[in-house]
Protein backbone atom coordinates (compact mmCIF):
# COMPACT_ATOMS: atom_id res chain seq x y z
CA MET A 1 88.74 52.20 -48.81
CA LYS A 2 86.60 53.25 -51.74
CA LYS A 3 88.23 53.18 -55.16
CA ARG A 4 88.69 56.62 -56.70
CA HIS A 5 87.34 56.83 -60.21
CA ILE A 6 86.22 59.37 -62.80
CA LYS A 7 82.46 59.89 -63.00
CA PRO A 8 80.84 61.21 -66.20
CA THR A 9 78.45 64.13 -65.70
CA GLY A 10 75.95 65.94 -67.89
CA GLN A 11 75.27 69.62 -68.46
CA ILE A 12 73.80 72.19 -66.11
CA PHE A 13 72.83 75.39 -67.90
CA PRO A 14 71.58 78.21 -65.66
CA TYR A 15 70.90 81.28 -67.79
CA ILE A 16 70.30 84.98 -67.23
CA VAL A 17 68.36 87.32 -69.47
CA THR A 18 70.16 90.26 -71.09
CA LYS A 19 69.15 92.80 -73.72
CA SER A 20 70.83 90.63 -76.33
CA GLY A 21 69.27 87.35 -75.21
CA PHE A 22 70.22 84.50 -72.88
CA ILE A 23 73.73 83.94 -71.56
CA SER A 24 75.18 81.38 -69.15
CA ALA A 25 74.96 82.63 -65.59
CA PRO A 26 78.28 83.31 -63.88
CA GLY A 27 78.95 81.14 -60.87
CA LYS A 28 77.13 78.06 -62.12
CA PHE A 29 77.84 74.80 -60.28
CA ILE A 30 80.93 73.03 -61.60
CA PHE A 31 81.17 69.27 -61.07
CA PRO A 32 84.60 67.88 -60.16
CA VAL A 33 85.98 64.94 -62.14
CA LEU A 34 86.27 62.27 -59.44
CA LYS A 35 83.12 60.61 -58.08
CA GLU A 36 84.00 61.08 -54.42
CA GLU A 37 84.77 64.77 -55.00
CA ILE A 38 81.44 65.26 -56.80
CA GLU A 39 79.56 63.62 -53.95
CA GLU A 40 81.36 65.62 -51.28
CA LYS A 41 80.73 68.93 -53.07
CA VAL A 42 77.06 68.07 -53.70
CA ALA A 43 76.57 66.91 -50.09
CA LYS A 44 78.09 70.07 -48.62
CA LEU A 45 76.02 72.40 -50.80
CA PHE A 46 72.87 70.41 -50.09
CA LEU A 47 73.43 70.63 -46.34
CA ASP A 48 74.10 74.37 -46.60
CA GLU A 49 70.77 74.79 -48.39
CA VAL A 50 68.61 72.32 -46.46
CA THR A 51 69.50 73.83 -43.08
CA LYS A 52 67.73 76.99 -44.28
CA ILE A 53 64.44 75.07 -44.58
CA LYS A 54 62.27 75.16 -41.48
CA ASP A 55 61.52 71.73 -40.00
CA SER A 56 63.92 69.98 -42.39
CA GLY A 57 65.39 67.99 -39.51
CA PHE A 58 68.89 69.37 -40.11
CA SER A 59 70.61 71.72 -37.68
CA LYS A 60 73.17 74.35 -38.62
CA ASP A 61 75.68 72.90 -36.16
CA LEU A 62 75.77 69.46 -37.83
CA ILE A 63 79.11 67.83 -38.57
CA LEU A 64 79.71 66.06 -41.90
CA ASN A 65 82.45 63.42 -42.20
CA LYS A 66 83.43 61.04 -44.96
CA ASN A 67 82.61 57.46 -44.08
CA SER A 68 85.42 55.06 -44.98
CA GLN A 69 84.27 52.08 -42.93
CA ASP A 70 81.55 50.74 -45.23
CA ASP A 71 79.58 51.53 -48.39
CA LEU A 72 77.65 54.51 -47.03
CA ASP A 73 79.13 57.82 -48.19
CA PHE A 74 79.03 60.19 -45.19
CA ARG A 75 78.28 60.42 -41.49
CA ILE A 76 76.30 63.33 -40.06
CA THR A 77 76.41 64.09 -36.36
CA GLN A 78 73.92 66.54 -34.87
CA ASN A 79 72.45 66.92 -31.42
CA GLY A 80 74.34 63.82 -30.30
CA VAL A 81 72.66 61.61 -32.92
CA GLU A 82 74.52 59.96 -35.81
CA TYR A 83 73.04 59.65 -39.29
CA TYR A 84 74.42 58.28 -42.53
CA LEU A 85 74.08 60.17 -45.80
CA GLU A 86 74.01 58.08 -48.96
CA LEU A 87 74.17 59.77 -52.38
CA THR A 88 72.89 58.47 -55.69
CA GLU A 89 72.60 60.19 -59.05
CA ILE A 90 69.34 60.29 -60.98
CA THR A 91 69.94 59.77 -64.70
CA PRO A 92 67.46 60.56 -67.50
CA GLN A 93 67.10 56.92 -68.47
CA LYS A 94 68.17 53.52 -67.21
CA ASP A 95 70.55 52.74 -70.06
CA MET A 96 73.20 55.48 -70.01
CA ARG A 97 75.90 53.66 -71.95
CA GLY A 98 75.76 56.38 -74.60
CA GLY A 99 76.33 59.12 -72.05
CA TYR A 100 74.36 62.35 -71.89
CA ASN A 101 74.83 63.44 -75.49
CA ASP A 102 71.77 63.43 -77.75
CA LEU A 103 69.35 62.51 -75.02
CA PRO A 104 65.68 63.10 -75.94
CA ASP A 105 63.98 66.29 -74.74
CA SER A 106 60.72 64.60 -73.75
CA TYR A 107 60.02 61.81 -71.27
CA ASN A 108 57.12 59.72 -70.13
CA ILE A 109 56.33 60.78 -66.56
CA GLY A 110 55.63 57.24 -65.42
CA SER A 111 58.99 56.01 -66.73
CA GLN A 112 60.79 58.98 -65.23
CA ALA A 113 59.24 58.36 -61.83
CA GLN A 114 59.97 54.63 -62.05
CA ILE A 115 63.69 55.26 -62.56
CA ILE A 116 63.75 57.13 -59.25
CA ILE A 117 61.57 54.55 -57.49
CA ASP A 118 63.83 51.71 -58.67
CA LEU A 119 66.88 53.55 -57.30
CA ILE A 120 65.18 54.01 -53.93
CA LEU A 121 64.20 50.35 -53.72
CA LYS A 122 67.66 49.19 -54.81
CA LYS A 123 69.36 51.27 -52.14
CA SER A 124 66.78 50.26 -49.52
CA GLU A 125 67.31 46.57 -50.24
CA LYS A 126 71.08 47.00 -50.12
CA TYR A 127 71.03 48.49 -46.62
CA SER A 128 67.93 46.79 -45.22
CA PRO A 129 69.85 44.43 -42.88
CA THR A 130 71.17 47.46 -40.96
CA GLU A 131 69.45 49.48 -38.26
CA LEU A 132 71.27 52.71 -39.05
CA ASN A 133 69.64 56.11 -39.51
CA ILE A 134 70.14 56.56 -43.26
CA ILE A 135 69.24 59.63 -45.31
CA LEU A 136 69.17 59.19 -49.09
CA LEU A 137 70.23 62.19 -51.17
CA MET A 138 69.33 61.90 -54.86
CA TYR A 139 70.89 64.49 -57.19
CA ILE A 140 71.30 65.26 -60.88
CA THR A 141 74.21 66.41 -63.03
CA ASP A 142 72.19 67.13 -66.19
CA ASN A 143 69.20 69.39 -66.88
CA LYS A 144 67.35 66.59 -68.66
CA ALA A 145 67.63 64.32 -65.64
CA GLY A 146 65.54 66.53 -63.38
CA PRO A 147 62.19 64.96 -62.48
CA SER A 148 59.10 66.98 -63.39
CA PRO A 149 56.71 68.15 -60.63
CA LEU A 150 54.30 65.36 -61.61
CA SER A 151 57.07 62.76 -61.45
CA ILE A 152 57.99 64.05 -58.01
CA LYS A 153 54.36 63.71 -56.95
CA LEU A 154 54.33 60.06 -58.07
CA VAL A 155 57.55 59.34 -56.19
CA GLN A 156 56.27 61.03 -53.03
CA ASP A 157 53.04 59.02 -53.19
CA PHE A 158 55.03 55.81 -53.65
CA CYS A 159 57.33 56.59 -50.70
CA ASN A 160 54.32 57.13 -48.45
CA LYS A 161 52.75 53.79 -49.38
CA ARG A 162 55.72 51.46 -49.87
CA HIS A 163 58.13 50.35 -47.15
CA HIS A 164 61.76 51.48 -47.36
CA ILE A 165 64.46 51.95 -44.75
CA PHE A 166 65.24 55.64 -45.15
CA LYS A 167 64.61 58.25 -42.49
CA GLN A 168 64.51 60.90 -45.19
CA ILE A 169 64.78 60.99 -48.99
CA TRP A 170 65.74 64.23 -50.75
CA TYR A 171 66.13 65.39 -54.34
CA PHE A 172 68.75 68.08 -55.00
CA PHE A 173 69.50 70.02 -58.18
CA PRO A 174 72.82 71.90 -57.76
CA ILE A 175 72.47 74.99 -59.95
CA MET A 176 74.97 77.57 -58.75
CA GLU A 177 78.12 77.23 -56.67
CA ASP A 178 76.22 78.56 -53.67
CA SER A 179 72.65 77.43 -54.28
CA GLY A 180 70.39 74.72 -55.66
CA ALA A 181 66.80 73.46 -55.80
CA ILE A 182 65.48 71.00 -53.20
CA ASP A 183 62.45 68.73 -53.01
CA GLN A 184 61.67 66.24 -50.27
CA PHE A 185 60.53 62.84 -51.46
CA PHE A 186 60.04 61.49 -47.93
CA PRO A 187 58.57 62.26 -45.50
CA ASN A 188 56.01 64.53 -47.10
CA ASN A 189 52.47 65.80 -46.66
CA VAL A 190 51.16 65.24 -50.20
CA GLU A 191 47.60 64.06 -50.58
CA SER A 192 47.35 60.36 -51.41
CA LEU A 193 46.73 59.53 -55.08
CA ASN A 194 44.09 57.03 -56.10
CA GLU A 195 44.64 54.43 -58.82
CA ALA A 196 42.95 56.53 -61.53
CA GLN A 197 45.12 59.55 -60.71
CA ILE A 198 48.28 57.44 -60.73
CA LYS A 199 47.36 55.92 -64.09
CA GLU A 200 46.67 59.33 -65.60
CA LEU A 201 49.95 60.78 -64.35
CA LYS A 202 51.99 57.82 -65.56
CA ALA A 203 50.59 58.22 -69.08
CA SER A 204 51.61 61.90 -69.30
CA THR A 205 54.65 63.32 -71.07
CA VAL A 206 56.99 66.12 -70.00
CA VAL A 207 59.13 68.22 -72.33
CA ASN A 208 62.36 69.77 -71.13
CA ILE A 209 63.09 73.10 -72.77
CA ASN A 210 66.80 73.69 -73.27
CA LEU A 211 67.93 77.17 -74.26
């Protein structure tokens, strides 16, 4: 049985515009304290949202169950086929010993993409001896952790060219209690990047604007 433990999270700040300025939006996504509760809440909201996407591969009659037999987080059963759903959090930088406070507002796109790529490869290596149908769900708990569109493009290009074991890889940004933003890292239909394009993207910088 997995050990229950508290998991630090960052800050999600959805805002709405009023006559007097910006205010926090009511109904924003609230992260539970325990890691397993965070993952279950994120997984359920993700599945609610992804089933709305045409050709996502998820059916509305799927069944989600916690998986207590091994390291993988959840089992999904749909149309008589069993899949495993593994969750991992994307953090703004590799060394998070100082937590989310005082994180920089700008990031190198290449470094940001590499953090995600390293997580994918680490998880792929961990489960590579198995022949299970595994879906990787990558999510964030802090605004500054969200990959930029160019970082996403680099990750998608990498996933198309480099072997990994996952049937699907998704990125999910839980924003409100009933909604969030989704991008699909793999499979995807993005046009392949050449070496010059990759080099140019990796050298770029993104700035996160926090209200």
